[in-house]
């Protein structure tokens, strides 16, 4: 019943990045999460 298509005229491409806020209260834990996410299986 459903389908998704990239229109032939073109479309936008997005990319989201994982960033730590300068105001982050848990910067060490945040970096641990970034490193955890770099595992291929994750």
ModelCIF file with pLDDT and N, C-alpha, C, O atoms, coordinates in Angstrom:
data_MODEL
#
_entry.id   MODEL 
#
_entity.id                         1 
_entity.type                       polymer 
_entity.pdbx_number_of_molecules   1 
#
_entity_poly.entity_id                      1 
_entity_poly.type                           'polypeptide(L)' 
_entity_poly.nstd_linkage                   no 
_entity_poly.nstd_monomer                   no 
_entity_poly.pdbx_seq_one_letter_code       
;(UNK)(UNK)(UNK)(UNK)(UNK)(UNK)(UNK)(UNK)(UNK)(UNK)(UNK)(UNK)(UNK)(UNK)(UNK)(UNK)
(UNK)(UNK)(UNK)(UNK)(UNK)(UNK)(UNK)(UNK)(UNK)(UNK)(UNK)(UNK)(UNK)(UNK)(UNK)(UNK)
(UNK)(UNK)(UNK)(UNK)(UNK)(UNK)(UNK)(UNK)(UNK)(UNK)
;
_entity_poly.pdbx_seq_one_letter_code_can   XXXXXXXXXXXXXXXXXXXXXXXXXXXXXXXXXXXXXXXXXX 
_entity_poly.pdbx_strand_id                 A 
#
loop_
_entity_poly_seq.entity_id 
_entity_poly_seq.num 
_entity_poly_seq.mon_id 
_entity_poly_seq.hetero 
1 1  UNK n 
1 2  UNK n 
1 3  UNK n 
1 4  UNK n 
1 5  UNK n 
1 6  UNK n 
1 7  UNK n 
1 8  UNK n 
1 9  UNK n 
1 10 UNK n 
1 11 UNK n 
1 12 UNK n 
1 13 UNK n 
1 14 UNK n 
1 15 UNK n 
1 16 UNK n 
1 17 UNK n 
1 18 UNK n 
1 19 UNK n 
1 20 UNK n 
1 21 UNK n 
1 22 UNK n 
1 23 UNK n 
1 24 UNK n 
1 25 UNK n 
1 26 UNK n 
1 27 UNK n 
1 28 UNK n 
1 29 UNK n 
1 30 UNK n 
1 31 UNK n 
1 32 UNK n 
1 33 UNK n 
1 34 UNK n 
1 35 UNK n 
1 36 UNK n 
1 37 UNK n 
1 38 UNK n 
1 39 UNK n 
1 40 UNK n 
1 41 UNK n 
1 42 UNK n 
#
_struct_asym.id          A 
_struct_asym.entity_id   1 
#
loop_
_ma_qa_metric.id 
_ma_qa_metric.mode 
_ma_qa_metric.name 
_ma_qa_metric.software_group_id 
_ma_qa_metric.type 
1 global pLDDT . pLDDT 
2 local  pLDDT . pLDDT 
#
_ma_qa_metric_global.metric_id      1 
_ma_qa_metric_global.metric_value   97.21 
_ma_qa_metric_global.model_id       1 
_ma_qa_metric_global.ordinal_id     1 
#
loop_
_ma_qa_metric_local.label_asym_id 
_ma_qa_metric_local.label_comp_id 
_ma_qa_metric_local.label_seq_id 
_ma_qa_metric_local.metric_id 
_ma_qa_metric_local.metric_value 
_ma_qa_metric_local.model_id 
_ma_qa_metric_local.ordinal_id 
A UNK 1  2 97.00 1 1  
A UNK 2  2 97.00 1 2  
A UNK 3  2 96.00 1 3  
A UNK 4  2 97.00 1 4  
A UNK 5  2 97.00 1 5  
A UNK 6  2 97.00 1 6  
A UNK 7  2 97.00 1 7  
A UNK 8  2 97.00 1 8  
A UNK 9  2 97.00 1 9  
A UNK 10 2 97.00 1 10 
A UNK 11 2 98.00 1 11 
A UNK 12 2 97.00 1 12 
A UNK 13 2 95.00 1 13 
A UNK 14 2 93.00 1 14 
A UNK 15 2 94.00 1 15 
A UNK 16 2 94.00 1 16 
A UNK 17 2 97.00 1 17 
A UNK 18 2 98.00 1 18 
A UNK 19 2 98.00 1 19 
A UNK 20 2 98.00 1 20 
A UNK 21 2 98.00 1 21 
A UNK 22 2 98.00 1 22 
A UNK 23 2 98.00 1 23 
A UNK 24 2 98.00 1 24 
A UNK 25 2 97.00 1 25 
A UNK 26 2 97.00 1 26 
A UNK 27 2 97.00 1 27 
A UNK 28 2 97.00 1 28 
A UNK 29 2 98.00 1 29 
A UNK 30 2 98.00 1 30 
A UNK 31 2 98.00 1 31 
A UNK 32 2 98.00 1 32 
A UNK 33 2 98.00 1 33 
A UNK 34 2 98.00 1 34 
A UNK 35 2 98.00 1 35 
A UNK 36 2 98.00 1 36 
A UNK 37 2 98.00 1 37 
A UNK 38 2 98.00 1 38 
A UNK 39 2 98.00 1 39 
A UNK 40 2 98.00 1 40 
A UNK 41 2 98.00 1 41 
A UNK 42 2 98.00 1 42 
#
loop_
_atom_site.group_PDB 
_atom_site.id 
_atom_site.type_symbol 
_atom_site.label_atom_id 
_atom_site.label_alt_id 
_atom_site.label_comp_id 
_atom_site.label_asym_id 
_atom_site.label_entity_id 
_atom_site.label_seq_id 
_atom_site.pdbx_PDB_ins_code 
_atom_site.Cartn_x 
_atom_site.Cartn_y 
_atom_site.Cartn_z 
_atom_site.occupancy 
_atom_site.B_iso_or_equiv 
_atom_site.pdbx_formal_charge 
_atom_site.auth_seq_id 
_atom_site.auth_comp_id 
_atom_site.auth_asym_id 
_atom_site.auth_atom_id 
_atom_site.pdbx_PDB_model_num 
ATOM 1   N N  . UNK A 1 1  ? 0.790  -1.230 0.000   1.00 97.00 ? 1  UNK A N  1 
ATOM 2   C CA . UNK A 1 1  ? 0.000  0.000  0.000   1.00 97.00 ? 1  UNK A CA 1 
ATOM 3   C C  . UNK A 1 1  ? 0.826  1.285  0.000   1.00 97.00 ? 1  UNK A C  1 
ATOM 4   O O  . UNK A 1 1  ? 0.328  2.338  -0.401  1.00 97.00 ? 1  UNK A O  1 
ATOM 5   N N  . UNK A 1 2  ? 2.090  1.211  0.448   1.00 97.00 ? 2  UNK A N  1 
ATOM 6   C CA . UNK A 1 2  ? 2.892  2.423  0.589   1.00 97.00 ? 2  UNK A CA 1 
ATOM 7   C C  . UNK A 1 2  ? 4.164  2.365  -0.243  1.00 97.00 ? 2  UNK A C  1 
ATOM 8   O O  . UNK A 1 2  ? 4.692  1.289  -0.525  1.00 97.00 ? 2  UNK A O  1 
ATOM 9   N N  . UNK A 1 3  ? 4.645  3.539  -0.629  1.00 96.00 ? 3  UNK A N  1 
ATOM 10  C CA . UNK A 1 3  ? 5.907  3.634  -1.366  1.00 96.00 ? 3  UNK A CA 1 
ATOM 11  C C  . UNK A 1 3  ? 6.550  4.987  -1.076  1.00 96.00 ? 3  UNK A C  1 
ATOM 12  O O  . UNK A 1 3  ? 5.877  5.952  -0.714  1.00 96.00 ? 3  UNK A O  1 
ATOM 13  N N  . UNK A 1 4  ? 7.870  5.029  -1.247  1.00 97.00 ? 4  UNK A N  1 
ATOM 14  C CA . UNK A 1 4  ? 8.623  6.268  -1.082  1.00 97.00 ? 4  UNK A CA 1 
ATOM 15  C C  . UNK A 1 4  ? 9.479  6.459  -2.316  1.00 97.00 ? 4  UNK A C  1 
ATOM 16  O O  . UNK A 1 4  ? 10.072 5.507  -2.822  1.00 97.00 ? 4  UNK A O  1 
ATOM 17  N N  . UNK A 1 5  ? 9.545  7.703  -2.807  1.00 97.00 ? 5  UNK A N  1 
ATOM 18  C CA . UNK A 1 5  ? 10.304 7.974  -4.023  1.00 97.00 ? 5  UNK A CA 1 
ATOM 19  C C  . UNK A 1 5  ? 11.087 9.276  -3.884  1.00 97.00 ? 5  UNK A C  1 
ATOM 20  O O  . UNK A 1 5  ? 10.620 10.233 -3.268  1.00 97.00 ? 5  UNK A O  1 
ATOM 21  N N  . UNK A 1 6  ? 12.279 9.296  -4.464  1.00 97.00 ? 6  UNK A N  1 
ATOM 22  C CA . UNK A 1 6  ? 13.047 10.526 -4.611  1.00 97.00 ? 6  UNK A CA 1 
ATOM 23  C C  . UNK A 1 6  ? 12.627 11.123 -5.955  1.00 97.00 ? 6  UNK A C  1 
ATOM 24  O O  . UNK A 1 6  ? 12.890 10.514 -6.992  1.00 97.00 ? 6  UNK A O  1 
ATOM 25  N N  . UNK A 1 7  ? 11.992 12.276 -5.975  1.00 97.00 ? 7  UNK A N  1 
ATOM 26  C CA . UNK A 1 7  ? 11.476 12.838 -7.231  1.00 97.00 ? 7  UNK A CA 1 
ATOM 27  C C  . UNK A 1 7  ? 12.568 13.038 -8.279  1.00 97.00 ? 7  UNK A C  1 
ATOM 28  O O  . UNK A 1 7  ? 13.702 13.381 -7.945  1.00 97.00 ? 7  UNK A O  1 
ATOM 29  N N  . UNK A 1 8  ? 12.225 12.826 -9.529  1.00 97.00 ? 8  UNK A N  1 
ATOM 30  C CA . UNK A 1 8  ? 13.211 12.861 -10.600 1.00 97.00 ? 8  UNK A CA 1 
ATOM 31  C C  . UNK A 1 8  ? 13.793 14.254 -10.829 1.00 97.00 ? 8  UNK A C  1 
ATOM 32  O O  . UNK A 1 8  ? 14.888 14.383 -11.377 1.00 97.00 ? 8  UNK A O  1 
ATOM 33  N N  . UNK A 1 9  ? 13.068 15.303 -10.411 1.00 97.00 ? 9  UNK A N  1 
ATOM 34  C CA . UNK A 1 9  ? 13.622 16.656 -10.557 1.00 97.00 ? 9  UNK A CA 1 
ATOM 35  C C  . UNK A 1 9  ? 14.750 16.928 -9.567  1.00 97.00 ? 9  UNK A C  1 
ATOM 36  O O  . UNK A 1 9  ? 15.544 17.851 -9.749  1.00 97.00 ? 9  UNK A O  1 
ATOM 37  N N  . UNK A 1 10 ? 14.808 16.109 -8.517  1.00 97.00 ? 10 UNK A N  1 
ATOM 38  C CA . UNK A 1 10 ? 15.788 16.306 -7.460  1.00 97.00 ? 10 UNK A CA 1 
ATOM 39  C C  . UNK A 1 10 ? 15.096 16.481 -6.123  1.00 97.00 ? 10 UNK A C  1 
ATOM 40  O O  . UNK A 1 10 ? 13.872 16.590 -6.050  1.00 97.00 ? 10 UNK A O  1 
ATOM 41  N N  . UNK A 1 11 ? 15.887 16.506 -5.074  1.00 98.00 ? 11 UNK A N  1 
ATOM 42  C CA . UNK A 1 11 ? 15.325 16.623 -3.724  1.00 98.00 ? 11 UNK A CA 1 
ATOM 43  C C  . UNK A 1 11 ? 16.414 17.133 -2.783  1.00 98.00 ? 11 UNK A C  1 
ATOM 44  O O  . UNK A 1 11 ? 17.565 17.308 -3.182  1.00 98.00 ? 11 UNK A O  1 
ATOM 45  N N  . UNK A 1 12 ? 16.039 17.362 -1.553  1.00 97.00 ? 12 UNK A N  1 
ATOM 46  C CA . UNK A 1 12 ? 17.028 17.769 -0.564  1.00 97.00 ? 12 UNK A CA 1 
ATOM 47  C C  . UNK A 1 12 ? 17.595 16.533 0.123   1.00 97.00 ? 12 UNK A C  1 
ATOM 48  O O  . UNK A 1 12 ? 16.928 15.510 0.279   1.00 97.00 ? 12 UNK A O  1 
ATOM 49  N N  . UNK A 1 13 ? 18.839 16.671 0.521   1.00 95.00 ? 13 UNK A N  1 
ATOM 50  C CA . UNK A 1 13 ? 19.529 15.632 1.277   1.00 95.00 ? 13 UNK A CA 1 
ATOM 51  C C  . UNK A 1 13 ? 19.856 16.221 2.633   1.00 95.00 ? 13 UNK A C  1 
ATOM 52  O O  . UNK A 1 13 ? 20.409 17.318 2.714   1.00 95.00 ? 13 UNK A O  1 
ATOM 53  N N  . UNK A 1 14 ? 19.528 15.517 3.686   1.00 93.00 ? 14 UNK A N  1 
ATOM 54  C CA . UNK A 1 14 ? 19.828 16.024 5.019   1.00 93.00 ? 14 UNK A CA 1 
ATOM 55  C C  . UNK A 1 14 ? 20.929 15.189 5.662   1.00 93.00 ? 14 UNK A C  1 
ATOM 56  O O  . UNK A 1 14 ? 21.145 14.032 5.302   1.00 93.00 ? 14 UNK A O  1 
ATOM 57  N N  . UNK A 1 15 ? 21.601 15.784 6.598   1.00 94.00 ? 15 UNK A N  1 
ATOM 58  C CA . UNK A 1 15 ? 22.545 15.053 7.446   1.00 94.00 ? 15 UNK A CA 1 
ATOM 59  C C  . UNK A 1 15 ? 22.470 15.643 8.836   1.00 94.00 ? 15 UNK A C  1 
ATOM 60  O O  . UNK A 1 15 ? 22.642 16.847 9.019   1.00 94.00 ? 15 UNK A O  1 
ATOM 61  N N  . UNK A 1 16 ? 22.213 14.796 9.811   1.00 94.00 ? 16 UNK A N  1 
ATOM 62  C CA . UNK A 1 16 ? 22.222 15.223 11.200  1.00 94.00 ? 16 UNK A CA 1 
ATOM 63  C C  . UNK A 1 16 ? 23.519 14.781 11.854  1.00 94.00 ? 16 UNK A C  1 
ATOM 64  O O  . UNK A 1 16 ? 23.996 13.670 11.622  1.00 94.00 ? 16 UNK A O  1 
ATOM 65  N N  . UNK A 1 17 ? 24.084 15.652 12.668  1.00 97.00 ? 17 UNK A N  1 
ATOM 66  C CA . UNK A 1 17 ? 25.304 15.350 13.404  1.00 97.00 ? 17 UNK A CA 1 
ATOM 67  C C  . UNK A 1 17 ? 25.022 15.358 14.901  1.00 97.00 ? 17 UNK A C  1 
ATOM 68  O O  . UNK A 1 17 ? 24.081 16.004 15.363  1.00 97.00 ? 17 UNK A O  1 
ATOM 69  N N  . UNK A 1 18 ? 25.828 14.651 15.633  1.00 98.00 ? 18 UNK A N  1 
ATOM 70  C CA . UNK A 1 18 ? 25.656 14.511 17.082  1.00 98.00 ? 18 UNK A CA 1 
ATOM 71  C C  . UNK A 1 18 ? 26.632 15.474 17.766  1.00 98.00 ? 18 UNK A C  1 
ATOM 72  O O  . UNK A 1 18 ? 27.847 15.293 17.685  1.00 98.00 ? 18 UNK A O  1 
ATOM 73  N N  . UNK A 1 19 ? 26.099 16.489 18.435  1.00 98.00 ? 19 UNK A N  1 
ATOM 74  C CA . UNK A 1 19 ? 26.926 17.539 19.020  1.00 98.00 ? 19 UNK A CA 1 
ATOM 75  C C  . UNK A 1 19 ? 26.687 17.666 20.522  1.00 98.00 ? 19 UNK A C  1 
ATOM 76  O O  . UNK A 1 19 ? 25.586 17.411 21.011  1.00 98.00 ? 19 UNK A O  1 
ATOM 77  N N  . UNK A 1 20 ? 27.727 18.060 21.239  1.00 98.00 ? 20 UNK A N  1 
ATOM 78  C CA . UNK A 1 20 ? 27.634 18.300 22.679  1.00 98.00 ? 20 UNK A CA 1 
ATOM 79  C C  . UNK A 1 20 ? 27.527 19.800 22.902  1.00 98.00 ? 20 UNK A C  1 
ATOM 80  O O  . UNK A 1 20 ? 28.315 20.578 22.364  1.00 98.00 ? 20 UNK A O  1 
ATOM 81  N N  . UNK A 1 21 ? 26.552 20.193 23.695  1.00 98.00 ? 21 UNK A N  1 
ATOM 82  C CA . UNK A 1 21 ? 26.364 21.610 23.988  1.00 98.00 ? 21 UNK A CA 1 
ATOM 83  C C  . UNK A 1 21 ? 27.454 22.126 24.923  1.00 98.00 ? 21 UNK A C  1 
ATOM 84  O O  . UNK A 1 21 ? 27.920 21.411 25.810  1.00 98.00 ? 21 UNK A O  1 
ATOM 85  N N  . UNK A 1 22 ? 27.847 23.367 24.712  1.00 98.00 ? 22 UNK A N  1 
ATOM 86  C CA . UNK A 1 22 ? 28.826 23.978 25.608  1.00 98.00 ? 22 UNK A CA 1 
ATOM 87  C C  . UNK A 1 22 ? 28.256 24.062 27.033  1.00 98.00 ? 22 UNK A C  1 
ATOM 88  O O  . UNK A 1 22 ? 29.002 24.046 28.011  1.00 98.00 ? 22 UNK A O  1 
ATOM 89  N N  . UNK A 1 23 ? 26.927 24.152 27.132  1.00 98.00 ? 23 UNK A N  1 
ATOM 90  C CA . UNK A 1 23 ? 26.258 24.230 28.436  1.00 98.00 ? 23 UNK A CA 1 
ATOM 91  C C  . UNK A 1 23 ? 25.941 22.863 29.024  1.00 98.00 ? 23 UNK A C  1 
ATOM 92  O O  . UNK A 1 23 ? 25.312 22.779 30.079  1.00 98.00 ? 23 UNK A O  1 
ATOM 93  N N  . UNK A 1 24 ? 26.367 21.784 28.358  1.00 98.00 ? 24 UNK A N  1 
ATOM 94  C CA . UNK A 1 24 ? 26.031 20.419 28.805  1.00 98.00 ? 24 UNK A CA 1 
ATOM 95  C C  . UNK A 1 24 ? 26.524 20.172 30.225  1.00 98.00 ? 24 UNK A C  1 
ATOM 96  O O  . UNK A 1 24 ? 27.690 20.430 30.521  1.00 98.00 ? 24 UNK A O  1 
ATOM 97  N N  . UNK A 1 25 ? 25.656 19.676 31.114  1.00 97.00 ? 25 UNK A N  1 
ATOM 98  C CA . UNK A 1 25 ? 26.084 19.385 32.483  1.00 97.00 ? 25 UNK A CA 1 
ATOM 99  C C  . UNK A 1 25 ? 26.868 18.081 32.615  1.00 97.00 ? 25 UNK A C  1 
ATOM 100 O O  . UNK A 1 25 ? 27.513 17.849 33.638  1.00 97.00 ? 25 UNK A O  1 
ATOM 101 N N  . UNK A 1 26 ? 26.818 17.229 31.589  1.00 97.00 ? 26 UNK A N  1 
ATOM 102 C CA . UNK A 1 26 ? 27.476 15.920 31.685  1.00 97.00 ? 26 UNK A CA 1 
ATOM 103 C C  . UNK A 1 26 ? 28.327 15.676 30.445  1.00 97.00 ? 26 UNK A C  1 
ATOM 104 O O  . UNK A 1 26 ? 28.056 14.755 29.674  1.00 97.00 ? 26 UNK A O  1 
ATOM 105 N N  . UNK A 1 27 ? 29.336 16.485 30.256  1.00 97.00 ? 27 UNK A N  1 
ATOM 106 C CA . UNK A 1 27 ? 30.159 16.418 29.045  1.00 97.00 ? 27 UNK A CA 1 
ATOM 107 C C  . UNK A 1 27 ? 30.900 15.088 28.914  1.00 97.00 ? 27 UNK A C  1 
ATOM 108 O O  . UNK A 1 27 ? 31.017 14.554 27.811  1.00 97.00 ? 27 UNK A O  1 
ATOM 109 N N  . UNK A 1 28 ? 31.396 14.553 30.015  1.00 97.00 ? 28 UNK A N  1 
ATOM 110 C CA . UNK A 1 28 ? 32.121 13.286 29.974  1.00 97.00 ? 28 UNK A CA 1 
ATOM 111 C C  . UNK A 1 28 ? 31.202 12.158 29.519  1.00 97.00 ? 28 UNK A C  1 
ATOM 112 O O  . UNK A 1 28 ? 31.584 11.345 28.678  1.00 97.00 ? 28 UNK A O  1 
ATOM 113 N N  . UNK A 1 29 ? 30.002 12.106 30.069  1.00 98.00 ? 29 UNK A N  1 
ATOM 114 C CA . UNK A 1 29 ? 29.036 11.081 29.675  1.00 98.00 ? 29 UNK A CA 1 
ATOM 115 C C  . UNK A 1 29 ? 28.624 11.250 28.219  1.00 98.00 ? 29 UNK A C  1 
ATOM 116 O O  . UNK A 1 29 ? 28.392 10.272 27.508  1.00 98.00 ? 29 UNK A O  1 
ATOM 117 N N  . UNK A 1 30 ? 28.537 12.511 27.783  1.00 98.00 ? 30 UNK A N  1 
ATOM 118 C CA . UNK A 1 30 ? 28.163 12.786 26.397  1.00 98.00 ? 30 UNK A CA 1 
ATOM 119 C C  . UNK A 1 30 ? 29.200 12.218 25.438  1.00 98.00 ? 30 UNK A C  1 
ATOM 120 O O  . UNK A 1 30 ? 28.846 11.611 24.427  1.00 98.00 ? 30 UNK A O  1 
ATOM 121 N N  . UNK A 1 31 ? 30.466 12.411 25.748  1.00 98.00 ? 31 UNK A N  1 
ATOM 122 C CA . UNK A 1 31 ? 31.505 11.879 24.866  1.00 98.00 ? 31 UNK A CA 1 
ATOM 123 C C  . UNK A 1 31 ? 31.494 10.350 24.873  1.00 98.00 ? 31 UNK A C  1 
ATOM 124 O O  . UNK A 1 31 ? 31.763 9.722  23.849  1.00 98.00 ? 31 UNK A O  1 
ATOM 125 N N  . UNK A 1 32 ? 31.187 9.757  26.012  1.00 98.00 ? 32 UNK A N  1 
ATOM 126 C CA . UNK A 1 32 ? 31.075 8.295  26.070  1.00 98.00 ? 32 UNK A CA 1 
ATOM 127 C C  . UNK A 1 32 ? 29.984 7.812  25.113  1.00 98.00 ? 32 UNK A C  1 
ATOM 128 O O  . UNK A 1 32 ? 30.122 6.767  24.477  1.00 98.00 ? 32 UNK A O  1 
ATOM 129 N N  . UNK A 1 33 ? 28.892 8.589  25.018  1.00 98.00 ? 33 UNK A N  1 
ATOM 130 C CA . UNK A 1 33 ? 27.802 8.187  24.127  1.00 98.00 ? 33 UNK A CA 1 
ATOM 131 C C  . UNK A 1 33 ? 28.235 8.303  22.670  1.00 98.00 ? 33 UNK A C  1 
ATOM 132 O O  . UNK A 1 33 ? 27.922 7.429  21.862  1.00 98.00 ? 33 UNK A O  1 
ATOM 133 N N  . UNK A 1 34 ? 28.954 9.374  22.324  1.00 98.00 ? 34 UNK A N  1 
ATOM 134 C CA . UNK A 1 34 ? 29.460 9.525  20.964  1.00 98.00 ? 34 UNK A CA 1 
ATOM 135 C C  . UNK A 1 34 ? 30.374 8.358  20.600  1.00 98.00 ? 34 UNK A C  1 
ATOM 136 O O  . UNK A 1 34 ? 30.294 7.819  19.496  1.00 98.00 ? 34 UNK A O  1 
ATOM 137 N N  . UNK A 1 35 ? 31.228 7.980  21.520  1.00 98.00 ? 35 UNK A N  1 
ATOM 138 C CA . UNK A 1 35 ? 32.145 6.867  21.270  1.00 98.00 ? 35 UNK A CA 1 
ATOM 139 C C  . UNK A 1 35 ? 31.389 5.546  21.163  1.00 98.00 ? 35 UNK A C  1 
ATOM 140 O O  . UNK A 1 35 ? 31.737 4.692  20.348  1.00 98.00 ? 35 UNK A O  1 
ATOM 141 N N  . UNK A 1 36 ? 30.357 5.380  21.984  1.00 98.00 ? 36 UNK A N  1 
ATOM 142 C CA . UNK A 1 36 ? 29.520 4.176  21.934  1.00 98.00 ? 36 UNK A CA 1 
ATOM 143 C C  . UNK A 1 36 ? 28.842 4.069  20.575  1.00 98.00 ? 36 UNK A C  1 
ATOM 144 O O  . UNK A 1 36 ? 28.731 2.976  20.018  1.00 98.00 ? 36 UNK A O  1 
ATOM 145 N N  . UNK A 1 37 ? 28.388 5.203  20.037  1.00 98.00 ? 37 UNK A N  1 
ATOM 146 C CA . UNK A 1 37 ? 27.653 5.175  18.774  1.00 98.00 ? 37 UNK A CA 1 
ATOM 147 C C  . UNK A 1 37 ? 28.556 4.894  17.589  1.00 98.00 ? 37 UNK A C  1 
ATOM 148 O O  . UNK A 1 37 ? 28.059 4.524  16.525  1.00 98.00 ? 37 UNK A O  1 
ATOM 149 N N  . UNK A 1 38 ? 29.858 5.053  17.731  1.00 98.00 ? 38 UNK A N  1 
ATOM 150 C CA . UNK A 1 38 ? 30.771 4.764  16.626  1.00 98.00 ? 38 UNK A CA 1 
ATOM 151 C C  . UNK A 1 38 ? 31.010 3.264  16.437  1.00 98.00 ? 38 UNK A C  1 
ATOM 152 O O  . UNK A 1 38 ? 31.636 2.856  15.458  1.00 98.00 ? 38 UNK A O  1 
ATOM 153 N N  . UNK A 1 39 ? 30.517 2.443  17.365  1.00 98.00 ? 39 UNK A N  1 
ATOM 154 C CA . UNK A 1 39 ? 30.633 0.997  17.183  1.00 98.00 ? 39 UNK A CA 1 
ATOM 155 C C  . UNK A 1 39 ? 29.793 0.598  15.965  1.00 98.00 ? 39 UNK A C  1 
ATOM 156 O O  . UNK A 1 39 ? 28.631 0.992  15.866  1.00 98.00 ? 39 UNK A O  1 
ATOM 157 N N  . UNK A 1 40 ? 30.360 -0.172 15.047  1.00 98.00 ? 40 UNK A N  1 
ATOM 158 C CA . UNK A 1 40 ? 29.620 -0.525 13.826  1.00 98.00 ? 40 UNK A CA 1 
ATOM 159 C C  . UNK A 1 40 ? 28.264 -1.169 14.091  1.00 98.00 ? 40 UNK A C  1 
ATOM 160 O O  . UNK A 1 40 ? 27.283 -0.853 13.417  1.00 98.00 ? 40 UNK A O  1 
ATOM 161 N N  . UNK A 1 41 ? 28.204 -2.072 15.073  1.00 98.00 ? 41 UNK A N  1 
ATOM 162 C CA . UNK A 1 41 ? 26.946 -2.751 15.327  1.00 98.00 ? 41 UNK A CA 1 
ATOM 163 C C  . UNK A 1 41 ? 25.872 -1.805 15.861  1.00 98.00 ? 41 UNK A C  1 
ATOM 164 O O  . UNK A 1 41 ? 24.682 -2.025 15.632  1.00 98.00 ? 41 UNK A O  1 
ATOM 165 N N  . UNK A 1 42 ? 26.284 -0.754 16.571  1.00 98.00 ? 42 UNK A N  1 
ATOM 166 C CA . UNK A 1 42 ? 25.339 0.219  17.105  1.00 98.00 ? 42 UNK A CA 1 
ATOM 167 C C  . UNK A 1 42 ? 24.837 1.119  15.978  1.00 98.00 ? 42 UNK A C  1 
ATOM 168 O O  . UNK A 1 42 ? 24.026 2.014  16.217  1.00 98.00 ? 42 UNK A O  1 
#
